[in-house]
């Protein structure tokens, strides 16, 4: 895995999270919607930022990226956790800044990381869970080909829908769109 590689979507770029990114994320606007309170990052103090970075940094079983918009501004994080190379699967997670939600960045970032998951990591399936009442995210996942596999009860008695996208379904839907540039690493510009 090239730590300095970047992956480009149609509008976004993803690159591995570095410690300085967390300092920028500390000033993100907050979500006001009750169902999105979990996405508000508590990064007021240096100790909180250090802990967030240590918990989320890229390891052998977790690849964490920041999402950059067309201007190079960090607008979210996305990653694959619980990577199990023998089973060929990982679990997708994403947070988009409150003031950039609804502009297509999340969809583009998910498409980009799916290319990374299937073409670079050679996974067979990508899993995720999404709050049942998060209709905006559910719409994106449905549109990208994820299918529900079950439900579970999460924090605050929230019902989460478990979903999966199999590699063959991804290729059937998305490779015909000629998204080859999505998974080609480029040298990170500093």
N, C-alpha and C. Protein backbone atom coordinates (compact mmCIF):
# COMPACT_ATOMS: atom_id res chain seq x y z
N UNK A 1 0.84 -1.18 0.00
CA UNK A 1 0.00 0.00 0.00
C UNK A 1 0.88 1.23 0.00
N UNK A 2 0.66 2.10 -0.93
CA UNK A 2 1.43 3.33 -1.02
C UNK A 2 0.78 4.40 -0.15
N UNK A 3 1.44 4.73 0.94
CA UNK A 3 0.88 5.71 1.89
C UNK A 3 0.72 7.10 1.26
N UNK A 4 1.54 7.42 0.26
CA UNK A 4 1.45 8.74 -0.34
C UNK A 4 0.62 8.76 -1.61
N UNK A 5 -0.03 7.65 -1.94
CA UNK A 5 -0.84 7.59 -3.15
C UNK A 5 -2.15 8.34 -2.95
N UNK A 6 -2.64 8.89 -4.04
CA UNK A 6 -3.96 9.52 -4.05
C UNK A 6 -4.78 8.83 -5.13
N UNK A 7 -6.09 8.82 -4.95
CA UNK A 7 -7.00 8.18 -5.87
C UNK A 7 -8.04 9.20 -6.27
N UNK A 8 -8.28 9.33 -7.56
CA UNK A 8 -9.16 10.38 -8.06
C UNK A 8 -10.49 9.82 -8.54
N UNK A 9 -11.55 10.49 -8.12
CA UNK A 9 -12.87 10.23 -8.66
C UNK A 9 -13.17 11.28 -9.71
N UNK A 10 -14.44 11.46 -10.02
CA UNK A 10 -14.81 12.49 -10.99
C UNK A 10 -14.61 13.88 -10.42
N UNK A 11 -14.96 14.06 -9.14
CA UNK A 11 -14.84 15.39 -8.50
C UNK A 11 -13.95 15.38 -7.27
N UNK A 12 -13.79 14.24 -6.66
CA UNK A 12 -13.03 14.19 -5.40
C UNK A 12 -11.71 13.45 -5.59
N UNK A 13 -10.83 13.69 -4.65
CA UNK A 13 -9.58 12.95 -4.52
C UNK A 13 -9.57 12.38 -3.12
N UNK A 14 -9.11 11.15 -2.97
CA UNK A 14 -8.93 10.61 -1.63
C UNK A 14 -7.45 10.29 -1.45
N UNK A 15 -6.97 10.56 -0.24
CA UNK A 15 -5.59 10.23 0.12
C UNK A 15 -5.59 9.82 1.58
N UNK A 16 -4.54 9.11 1.98
CA UNK A 16 -4.47 8.63 3.35
C UNK A 16 -4.48 9.79 4.35
N UNK A 17 -5.19 9.60 5.44
CA UNK A 17 -5.28 10.55 6.54
C UNK A 17 -3.92 10.74 7.20
N UNK A 18 -3.53 11.98 7.43
CA UNK A 18 -2.33 12.29 8.21
C UNK A 18 -2.76 13.14 9.41
N UNK A 19 -1.91 13.22 10.40
CA UNK A 19 -2.27 13.87 11.66
C UNK A 19 -2.73 15.32 11.47
N UNK A 20 -2.08 16.08 10.58
CA UNK A 20 -2.45 17.49 10.37
C UNK A 20 -3.88 17.64 9.83
N UNK A 21 -4.38 16.62 9.15
CA UNK A 21 -5.76 16.68 8.64
C UNK A 21 -6.77 16.80 9.78
N UNK A 22 -6.49 16.13 10.87
CA UNK A 22 -7.42 16.11 12.00
C UNK A 22 -7.56 17.52 12.59
N UNK A 23 -6.48 18.29 12.59
CA UNK A 23 -6.57 19.67 13.07
C UNK A 23 -7.51 20.49 12.21
N UNK A 24 -7.48 20.28 10.90
CA UNK A 24 -8.41 20.98 10.01
C UNK A 24 -9.85 20.54 10.25
N UNK A 25 -10.03 19.25 10.51
CA UNK A 25 -11.37 18.71 10.71
C UNK A 25 -12.02 19.24 11.99
N UNK A 26 -11.21 19.70 12.94
CA UNK A 26 -11.73 20.21 14.22
C UNK A 26 -12.65 21.42 14.02
N UNK A 27 -12.50 22.13 12.92
CA UNK A 27 -13.31 23.34 12.70
C UNK A 27 -14.51 23.10 11.80
N UNK A 28 -14.80 21.84 11.49
CA UNK A 28 -15.94 21.54 10.64
C UNK A 28 -17.25 21.98 11.29
N UNK A 29 -18.21 22.46 10.49
CA UNK A 29 -19.53 22.78 11.05
C UNK A 29 -20.23 21.49 11.51
N UNK A 30 -21.16 21.66 12.42
CA UNK A 30 -21.83 20.50 13.02
C UNK A 30 -23.15 20.20 12.32
N UNK A 31 -23.54 18.93 12.37
CA UNK A 31 -24.86 18.52 11.90
C UNK A 31 -25.88 18.90 12.97
N UNK A 32 -27.02 19.39 12.54
CA UNK A 32 -28.09 19.72 13.48
C UNK A 32 -29.17 18.64 13.51
N UNK A 33 -29.24 17.82 12.45
CA UNK A 33 -30.23 16.77 12.39
C UNK A 33 -29.96 15.72 13.47
N UNK A 34 -31.00 15.34 14.18
CA UNK A 34 -30.87 14.37 15.27
C UNK A 34 -30.24 13.07 14.78
N UNK A 35 -30.68 12.60 13.61
CA UNK A 35 -30.19 11.31 13.11
C UNK A 35 -28.73 11.36 12.65
N UNK A 36 -28.14 12.56 12.57
CA UNK A 36 -26.75 12.67 12.13
C UNK A 36 -25.81 13.16 13.23
N UNK A 37 -26.28 13.19 14.46
CA UNK A 37 -25.43 13.65 15.56
C UNK A 37 -24.17 12.79 15.72
N UNK A 38 -24.26 11.52 15.37
CA UNK A 38 -23.10 10.63 15.48
C UNK A 38 -21.94 11.11 14.60
N UNK A 39 -22.24 11.87 13.54
CA UNK A 39 -21.19 12.32 12.61
C UNK A 39 -20.49 13.60 13.07
N UNK A 40 -20.96 14.20 14.16
CA UNK A 40 -20.28 15.37 14.71
C UNK A 40 -19.04 14.94 15.45
N UNK A 41 -17.89 15.40 14.98
CA UNK A 41 -16.62 15.00 15.59
C UNK A 41 -16.30 15.91 16.76
N UNK A 42 -15.95 15.33 17.89
CA UNK A 42 -15.53 16.10 19.07
C UNK A 42 -14.02 16.18 19.06
N UNK A 43 -13.51 17.26 18.47
CA UNK A 43 -12.07 17.42 18.29
C UNK A 43 -11.60 18.76 18.84
N UNK A 44 -12.24 19.24 19.89
CA UNK A 44 -11.92 20.55 20.45
C UNK A 44 -10.50 20.59 21.01
N UNK A 45 -10.14 19.57 21.76
CA UNK A 45 -8.86 19.56 22.45
C UNK A 45 -7.82 18.74 21.71
N UNK A 46 -6.57 19.10 21.86
CA UNK A 46 -5.47 18.37 21.21
C UNK A 46 -5.52 16.90 21.56
N UNK A 47 -5.84 16.57 22.81
CA UNK A 47 -5.89 15.16 23.22
C UNK A 47 -6.97 14.40 22.45
N UNK A 48 -8.10 15.07 22.15
CA UNK A 48 -9.17 14.43 21.37
C UNK A 48 -8.71 14.20 19.93
N UNK A 49 -7.98 15.17 19.38
CA UNK A 49 -7.48 15.03 18.01
C UNK A 49 -6.44 13.92 17.93
N UNK A 50 -5.57 13.84 18.92
CA UNK A 50 -4.56 12.76 18.95
C UNK A 50 -5.25 11.39 19.02
N UNK A 51 -6.24 11.28 19.89
CA UNK A 51 -6.95 10.00 20.06
C UNK A 51 -7.70 9.63 18.77
N UNK A 52 -8.33 10.61 18.12
CA UNK A 52 -9.05 10.35 16.88
C UNK A 52 -8.10 9.83 15.82
N UNK A 53 -6.95 10.48 15.68
CA UNK A 53 -5.97 10.04 14.68
C UNK A 53 -5.45 8.64 15.01
N UNK A 54 -5.11 8.39 16.26
CA UNK A 54 -4.59 7.08 16.65
C UNK A 54 -5.62 5.97 16.41
N UNK A 55 -6.89 6.24 16.69
CA UNK A 55 -7.96 5.26 16.45
C UNK A 55 -8.21 5.02 14.97
N UNK A 56 -8.02 6.05 14.15
CA UNK A 56 -8.43 5.95 12.76
C UNK A 56 -7.33 5.81 11.74
N UNK A 57 -6.08 5.87 12.16
CA UNK A 57 -4.99 5.84 11.18
C UNK A 57 -4.97 4.53 10.42
N UNK A 58 -4.38 4.57 9.24
CA UNK A 58 -4.28 3.40 8.39
C UNK A 58 -3.38 2.35 9.03
N UNK A 59 -3.87 1.12 9.05
CA UNK A 59 -3.11 -0.03 9.54
C UNK A 59 -3.31 -1.17 8.54
N UNK A 60 -2.83 -2.35 8.87
CA UNK A 60 -3.01 -3.50 7.99
C UNK A 60 -4.49 -3.86 7.82
N UNK A 61 -5.32 -3.56 8.82
CA UNK A 61 -6.72 -3.96 8.79
C UNK A 61 -7.70 -2.79 8.66
N UNK A 62 -7.14 -1.59 8.42
CA UNK A 62 -7.98 -0.40 8.27
C UNK A 62 -7.24 0.59 7.36
N UNK A 63 -7.91 1.05 6.33
CA UNK A 63 -7.36 2.08 5.45
C UNK A 63 -8.26 3.30 5.54
N UNK A 64 -7.73 4.40 6.06
CA UNK A 64 -8.52 5.61 6.28
C UNK A 64 -7.99 6.72 5.39
N UNK A 65 -8.90 7.38 4.71
CA UNK A 65 -8.58 8.45 3.77
C UNK A 65 -9.32 9.72 4.13
N UNK A 66 -8.80 10.85 3.67
CA UNK A 66 -9.57 12.09 3.67
C UNK A 66 -10.10 12.27 2.25
N UNK A 67 -11.22 12.97 2.18
CA UNK A 67 -11.85 13.30 0.90
C UNK A 67 -11.58 14.77 0.62
N UNK A 68 -11.02 15.06 -0.53
CA UNK A 68 -10.72 16.44 -0.92
C UNK A 68 -11.65 16.83 -2.08
N UNK A 69 -12.16 18.05 -2.02
CA UNK A 69 -12.99 18.54 -3.13
C UNK A 69 -12.10 19.05 -4.26
N UNK A 70 -12.70 19.68 -5.26
CA UNK A 70 -11.95 20.15 -6.43
C UNK A 70 -10.90 21.20 -6.07
N UNK A 71 -11.10 21.91 -4.97
CA UNK A 71 -10.15 22.94 -4.55
C UNK A 71 -9.08 22.41 -3.61
N UNK A 72 -9.18 21.11 -3.26
CA UNK A 72 -8.21 20.51 -2.35
C UNK A 72 -8.56 20.68 -0.88
N UNK A 73 -9.79 21.09 -0.60
CA UNK A 73 -10.27 21.27 0.78
C UNK A 73 -10.78 19.93 1.31
N UNK A 74 -10.43 19.61 2.55
CA UNK A 74 -10.89 18.36 3.16
C UNK A 74 -12.38 18.50 3.48
N UNK A 75 -13.18 17.60 2.88
CA UNK A 75 -14.63 17.67 3.08
C UNK A 75 -15.19 16.39 3.69
N UNK A 76 -14.32 15.46 4.07
CA UNK A 76 -14.82 14.24 4.67
C UNK A 76 -13.73 13.22 4.89
N UNK A 77 -14.14 12.11 5.48
CA UNK A 77 -13.26 10.96 5.63
C UNK A 77 -14.00 9.74 5.09
N UNK A 78 -13.23 8.80 4.60
CA UNK A 78 -13.80 7.56 4.09
C UNK A 78 -12.78 6.47 4.33
N UNK A 79 -13.25 5.27 4.56
CA UNK A 79 -12.29 4.21 4.78
C UNK A 79 -12.90 2.84 4.72
N UNK A 80 -12.01 1.88 4.80
CA UNK A 80 -12.38 0.47 4.90
C UNK A 80 -11.77 -0.05 6.18
N UNK A 81 -12.61 -0.63 7.03
CA UNK A 81 -12.14 -1.19 8.31
C UNK A 81 -12.47 -2.68 8.34
N UNK A 82 -11.99 -3.34 9.36
CA UNK A 82 -12.22 -4.78 9.50
C UNK A 82 -11.82 -5.52 8.23
N UNK A 83 -10.72 -5.08 7.62
CA UNK A 83 -10.25 -5.73 6.39
C UNK A 83 -9.83 -7.16 6.70
N UNK A 84 -10.43 -8.09 6.00
CA UNK A 84 -10.13 -9.51 6.13
C UNK A 84 -9.77 -10.01 4.73
N UNK A 85 -8.48 -10.12 4.47
CA UNK A 85 -8.03 -10.48 3.13
C UNK A 85 -8.32 -11.93 2.79
N UNK A 86 -8.39 -12.80 3.79
CA UNK A 86 -8.73 -14.20 3.52
C UNK A 86 -10.19 -14.32 3.08
N UNK A 87 -11.07 -13.60 3.76
CA UNK A 87 -12.49 -13.61 3.39
C UNK A 87 -12.75 -12.69 2.19
N UNK A 88 -11.81 -11.79 1.92
CA UNK A 88 -11.96 -10.87 0.79
C UNK A 88 -12.99 -9.79 1.04
N UNK A 89 -13.03 -9.24 2.27
CA UNK A 89 -14.04 -8.24 2.57
C UNK A 89 -13.53 -7.17 3.51
N UNK A 90 -14.22 -6.05 3.49
CA UNK A 90 -13.96 -4.93 4.39
C UNK A 90 -15.24 -4.14 4.55
N UNK A 91 -15.28 -3.32 5.60
CA UNK A 91 -16.48 -2.54 5.93
C UNK A 91 -16.23 -1.07 5.63
N UNK A 92 -17.11 -0.49 4.83
CA UNK A 92 -17.03 0.90 4.41
C UNK A 92 -17.56 1.82 5.50
N UNK A 93 -16.90 2.94 5.69
CA UNK A 93 -17.38 4.00 6.56
C UNK A 93 -17.08 5.35 5.94
N UNK A 94 -17.99 6.30 6.10
CA UNK A 94 -17.80 7.62 5.49
C UNK A 94 -18.46 8.68 6.36
N UNK A 95 -17.81 9.85 6.44
CA UNK A 95 -18.39 11.04 7.06
C UNK A 95 -18.10 12.20 6.11
N UNK A 96 -19.13 12.95 5.76
CA UNK A 96 -19.00 14.13 4.91
C UNK A 96 -19.31 15.36 5.75
N UNK A 97 -18.55 16.43 5.57
CA UNK A 97 -18.80 17.69 6.29
C UNK A 97 -20.24 18.13 6.11
N UNK A 98 -20.83 18.62 7.18
CA UNK A 98 -22.25 19.02 7.17
C UNK A 98 -22.56 20.02 6.07
N UNK A 99 -21.66 20.96 5.81
CA UNK A 99 -21.96 22.00 4.81
C UNK A 99 -21.68 21.57 3.37
N UNK A 100 -21.29 20.30 3.17
CA UNK A 100 -21.08 19.82 1.79
C UNK A 100 -21.98 18.63 1.46
N UNK A 101 -22.83 18.23 2.39
CA UNK A 101 -23.75 17.12 2.15
C UNK A 101 -24.76 17.51 1.07
N UNK A 102 -25.11 16.54 0.25
CA UNK A 102 -26.13 16.77 -0.77
C UNK A 102 -25.60 17.34 -2.07
N UNK A 103 -24.28 17.36 -2.25
CA UNK A 103 -23.68 17.92 -3.47
C UNK A 103 -23.03 16.86 -4.35
N UNK A 104 -23.22 15.58 -4.01
CA UNK A 104 -22.66 14.52 -4.83
C UNK A 104 -21.26 14.07 -4.45
N UNK A 105 -20.65 14.75 -3.49
CA UNK A 105 -19.29 14.37 -3.10
C UNK A 105 -19.24 12.98 -2.46
N UNK A 106 -20.22 12.67 -1.64
CA UNK A 106 -20.24 11.37 -0.97
C UNK A 106 -20.37 10.24 -1.97
N UNK A 107 -21.25 10.41 -2.95
CA UNK A 107 -21.41 9.38 -3.98
C UNK A 107 -20.11 9.16 -4.72
N UNK A 108 -19.46 10.25 -5.13
CA UNK A 108 -18.20 10.15 -5.86
C UNK A 108 -17.11 9.51 -4.99
N UNK A 109 -17.07 9.86 -3.71
CA UNK A 109 -16.07 9.28 -2.81
C UNK A 109 -16.30 7.78 -2.63
N UNK A 110 -17.57 7.37 -2.50
CA UNK A 110 -17.86 5.94 -2.35
C UNK A 110 -17.48 5.20 -3.63
N UNK A 111 -17.82 5.76 -4.79
CA UNK A 111 -17.41 5.12 -6.05
C UNK A 111 -15.89 4.97 -6.12
N UNK A 112 -15.18 6.00 -5.67
CA UNK A 112 -13.71 5.97 -5.72
C UNK A 112 -13.15 4.90 -4.80
N UNK A 113 -13.66 4.81 -3.58
CA UNK A 113 -13.12 3.80 -2.67
C UNK A 113 -13.54 2.40 -3.07
N UNK A 114 -14.67 2.27 -3.75
CA UNK A 114 -15.04 0.94 -4.25
C UNK A 114 -14.04 0.48 -5.31
N UNK A 115 -13.61 1.39 -6.17
CA UNK A 115 -12.56 1.05 -7.13
C UNK A 115 -11.29 0.61 -6.43
N UNK A 116 -10.93 1.32 -5.37
CA UNK A 116 -9.75 0.96 -4.57
C UNK A 116 -9.95 -0.42 -3.93
N UNK A 117 -11.11 -0.66 -3.37
CA UNK A 117 -11.39 -1.93 -2.68
C UNK A 117 -11.32 -3.11 -3.64
N UNK A 118 -11.94 -2.98 -4.80
CA UNK A 118 -12.02 -4.11 -5.72
C UNK A 118 -10.81 -4.23 -6.64
N UNK A 119 -10.25 -3.11 -7.08
CA UNK A 119 -9.16 -3.16 -8.05
C UNK A 119 -7.77 -3.16 -7.42
N UNK A 120 -7.61 -2.46 -6.30
CA UNK A 120 -6.30 -2.39 -5.65
C UNK A 120 -6.17 -3.47 -4.57
N UNK A 121 -7.15 -3.54 -3.67
CA UNK A 121 -7.09 -4.52 -2.58
C UNK A 121 -7.59 -5.89 -3.00
N UNK A 122 -8.27 -5.97 -4.14
CA UNK A 122 -8.80 -7.23 -4.68
C UNK A 122 -9.81 -7.89 -3.73
N UNK A 123 -10.64 -7.07 -3.08
CA UNK A 123 -11.68 -7.61 -2.21
C UNK A 123 -12.79 -8.24 -3.04
N UNK A 124 -13.52 -9.16 -2.44
CA UNK A 124 -14.65 -9.81 -3.10
C UNK A 124 -15.97 -9.13 -2.77
N UNK A 125 -16.01 -8.44 -1.62
CA UNK A 125 -17.24 -7.76 -1.22
C UNK A 125 -16.90 -6.61 -0.28
N UNK A 126 -17.76 -5.60 -0.30
CA UNK A 126 -17.66 -4.48 0.63
C UNK A 126 -18.96 -4.44 1.42
N UNK A 127 -18.83 -4.38 2.73
CA UNK A 127 -19.96 -4.33 3.65
C UNK A 127 -20.12 -2.91 4.17
N UNK A 128 -21.30 -2.61 4.69
CA UNK A 128 -21.52 -1.36 5.41
C UNK A 128 -22.76 -1.51 6.26
N UNK A 129 -22.92 -0.60 7.19
CA UNK A 129 -24.20 -0.48 7.88
C UNK A 129 -24.57 0.99 7.88
N UNK A 130 -25.87 1.24 7.80
CA UNK A 130 -26.37 2.61 7.70
C UNK A 130 -27.64 2.70 8.55
N UNK A 131 -27.76 3.82 9.27
CA UNK A 131 -28.96 4.03 10.08
C UNK A 131 -30.19 3.96 9.19
N UNK A 132 -31.17 3.22 9.65
CA UNK A 132 -32.40 3.00 8.88
C UNK A 132 -33.05 4.32 8.46
N UNK A 133 -32.96 5.34 9.31
CA UNK A 133 -33.62 6.62 9.00
C UNK A 133 -32.72 7.60 8.24
N UNK A 134 -31.51 7.18 7.84
CA UNK A 134 -30.63 8.05 7.05
C UNK A 134 -30.96 7.82 5.56
N UNK A 135 -32.06 8.42 5.15
CA UNK A 135 -32.59 8.18 3.80
C UNK A 135 -31.64 8.64 2.70
N UNK A 136 -30.93 9.74 2.92
CA UNK A 136 -30.01 10.25 1.91
C UNK A 136 -28.91 9.24 1.63
N UNK A 137 -28.29 8.70 2.68
CA UNK A 137 -27.22 7.71 2.51
C UNK A 137 -27.77 6.41 1.93
N UNK A 138 -28.91 5.99 2.41
CA UNK A 138 -29.51 4.75 1.89
C UNK A 138 -29.76 4.86 0.39
N UNK A 139 -30.23 6.02 -0.06
CA UNK A 139 -30.45 6.24 -1.49
C UNK A 139 -29.15 6.07 -2.28
N UNK A 140 -28.06 6.64 -1.78
CA UNK A 140 -26.76 6.52 -2.45
C UNK A 140 -26.34 5.05 -2.52
N UNK A 141 -26.42 4.35 -1.41
CA UNK A 141 -25.98 2.95 -1.39
C UNK A 141 -26.85 2.07 -2.30
N UNK A 142 -28.14 2.32 -2.31
CA UNK A 142 -29.03 1.58 -3.22
C UNK A 142 -28.63 1.85 -4.67
N UNK A 143 -28.41 3.12 -4.99
CA UNK A 143 -28.05 3.52 -6.35
C UNK A 143 -26.74 2.87 -6.80
N UNK A 144 -25.81 2.68 -5.86
CA UNK A 144 -24.50 2.11 -6.20
C UNK A 144 -24.52 0.58 -6.24
N UNK A 145 -25.65 -0.03 -5.90
CA UNK A 145 -25.77 -1.48 -6.02
C UNK A 145 -25.66 -2.27 -4.73
N UNK A 146 -25.52 -1.61 -3.60
CA UNK A 146 -25.52 -2.33 -2.32
C UNK A 146 -26.90 -2.93 -2.08
N UNK A 147 -26.94 -4.12 -1.50
CA UNK A 147 -28.22 -4.75 -1.19
C UNK A 147 -28.29 -5.05 0.31
N UNK A 148 -29.46 -4.89 0.89
CA UNK A 148 -29.63 -5.18 2.32
C UNK A 148 -29.44 -6.67 2.60
N UNK A 149 -28.80 -6.95 3.74
CA UNK A 149 -28.60 -8.35 4.16
C UNK A 149 -29.16 -8.62 5.54
N UNK A 150 -29.58 -7.59 6.24
CA UNK A 150 -30.12 -7.76 7.59
C UNK A 150 -30.17 -6.43 8.31
N UNK A 151 -30.41 -6.50 9.61
CA UNK A 151 -30.49 -5.31 10.47
C UNK A 151 -29.86 -5.65 11.81
N UNK A 152 -29.44 -4.60 12.52
CA UNK A 152 -29.00 -4.78 13.90
C UNK A 152 -29.29 -3.50 14.68
N UNK A 153 -29.33 -3.65 15.98
CA UNK A 153 -29.59 -2.52 16.86
C UNK A 153 -28.26 -1.90 17.26
N UNK A 154 -28.14 -0.59 17.04
CA UNK A 154 -26.90 0.12 17.35
C UNK A 154 -27.06 1.02 18.54
N UNK A 155 -26.11 1.96 18.71
CA UNK A 155 -26.18 2.92 19.83
C UNK A 155 -27.49 3.69 19.82
N UNK A 156 -27.94 4.05 20.99
CA UNK A 156 -29.18 4.82 21.19
C UNK A 156 -30.39 4.13 20.57
N UNK A 157 -30.35 2.79 20.56
CA UNK A 157 -31.44 1.98 20.01
C UNK A 157 -31.77 2.31 18.55
N UNK A 158 -30.77 2.73 17.82
CA UNK A 158 -30.94 3.01 16.40
C UNK A 158 -30.88 1.70 15.62
N UNK A 159 -31.80 1.52 14.70
CA UNK A 159 -31.78 0.35 13.84
C UNK A 159 -30.86 0.65 12.66
N UNK A 160 -29.90 -0.25 12.42
CA UNK A 160 -28.98 -0.14 11.31
C UNK A 160 -29.29 -1.22 10.29
N UNK A 161 -29.24 -0.86 9.02
CA UNK A 161 -29.42 -1.80 7.92
C UNK A 161 -28.03 -2.25 7.48
N UNK A 162 -27.79 -3.54 7.47
CA UNK A 162 -26.54 -4.12 6.98
C UNK A 162 -26.68 -4.29 5.47
N UNK A 163 -25.62 -3.90 4.73
CA UNK A 163 -25.67 -3.97 3.27
C UNK A 163 -24.36 -4.55 2.74
N UNK A 164 -24.40 -5.05 1.50
CA UNK A 164 -23.22 -5.61 0.87
C UNK A 164 -23.23 -5.27 -0.62
N UNK A 165 -22.03 -5.08 -1.16
CA UNK A 165 -21.84 -4.98 -2.61
C UNK A 165 -20.79 -6.01 -2.99
N UNK A 166 -21.18 -6.93 -3.82
CA UNK A 166 -20.26 -7.97 -4.30
C UNK A 166 -19.47 -7.43 -5.49
N UNK A 167 -18.22 -7.89 -5.62
CA UNK A 167 -17.35 -7.43 -6.70
C UNK A 167 -17.99 -7.63 -8.07
N UNK A 168 -18.61 -8.79 -8.33
CA UNK A 168 -19.19 -9.02 -9.65
C UNK A 168 -20.31 -8.02 -9.95
N UNK A 169 -21.08 -7.63 -8.95
CA UNK A 169 -22.13 -6.62 -9.15
C UNK A 169 -21.50 -5.25 -9.42
N UNK A 170 -20.44 -4.94 -8.70
CA UNK A 170 -19.72 -3.68 -8.93
C UNK A 170 -19.23 -3.61 -10.38
N UNK A 171 -18.57 -4.67 -10.85
CA UNK A 171 -18.06 -4.67 -12.22
C UNK A 171 -19.19 -4.59 -13.23
N UNK A 172 -20.27 -5.30 -12.97
CA UNK A 172 -21.40 -5.26 -13.89
C UNK A 172 -21.95 -3.85 -14.03
N UNK A 173 -22.05 -3.14 -12.92
CA UNK A 173 -22.65 -1.80 -12.93
C UNK A 173 -21.68 -0.70 -13.33
N UNK A 174 -20.45 -0.75 -12.81
CA UNK A 174 -19.58 0.43 -12.84
C UNK A 174 -18.42 0.35 -13.81
N UNK A 175 -17.91 -0.78 -14.12
CA UNK A 175 -16.76 -0.82 -15.02
C UNK A 175 -17.15 -0.39 -16.42
N UNK A 176 -18.41 -0.54 -16.76
CA UNK A 176 -18.85 -0.09 -18.08
C UNK A 176 -18.82 1.43 -18.20
N UNK A 177 -18.72 2.12 -17.07
CA UNK A 177 -18.66 3.59 -17.07
C UNK A 177 -17.24 4.10 -17.30
N UNK A 178 -16.29 3.18 -17.52
CA UNK A 178 -14.89 3.54 -17.78
C UNK A 178 -14.32 4.39 -16.66
N UNK A 179 -14.46 3.92 -15.43
CA UNK A 179 -13.96 4.64 -14.26
C UNK A 179 -12.53 4.21 -13.93
N UNK A 180 -11.74 3.84 -14.92
CA UNK A 180 -10.40 3.30 -14.69
C UNK A 180 -9.52 4.26 -13.89
N UNK A 181 -9.67 5.57 -14.07
CA UNK A 181 -8.81 6.52 -13.37
C UNK A 181 -9.05 6.52 -11.87
N UNK A 182 -10.17 5.98 -11.45
CA UNK A 182 -10.51 5.96 -10.03
C UNK A 182 -9.45 5.25 -9.20
N UNK A 183 -8.88 4.20 -9.75
CA UNK A 183 -8.03 3.36 -8.92
C UNK A 183 -6.55 3.46 -9.24
N UNK A 184 -6.19 4.36 -10.09
CA UNK A 184 -4.77 4.53 -10.39
C UNK A 184 -4.16 5.48 -9.37
N UNK A 185 -3.21 4.99 -8.59
CA UNK A 185 -2.57 5.90 -7.64
C UNK A 185 -1.72 6.92 -8.36
N UNK A 186 -1.71 8.11 -7.84
CA UNK A 186 -0.85 9.17 -8.35
C UNK A 186 0.00 9.64 -7.20
N UNK A 187 1.12 10.24 -7.48
CA UNK A 187 1.97 10.75 -6.41
C UNK A 187 1.23 11.86 -5.69
N UNK A 188 1.29 11.81 -4.39
CA UNK A 188 0.63 12.85 -3.60
C UNK A 188 1.39 14.16 -3.78
N UNK A 189 0.64 15.24 -3.96
CA UNK A 189 1.26 16.55 -4.08
C UNK A 189 1.24 17.21 -2.72
N UNK A 190 2.36 17.73 -2.32
CA UNK A 190 2.45 18.39 -1.01
C UNK A 190 2.83 19.83 -1.21
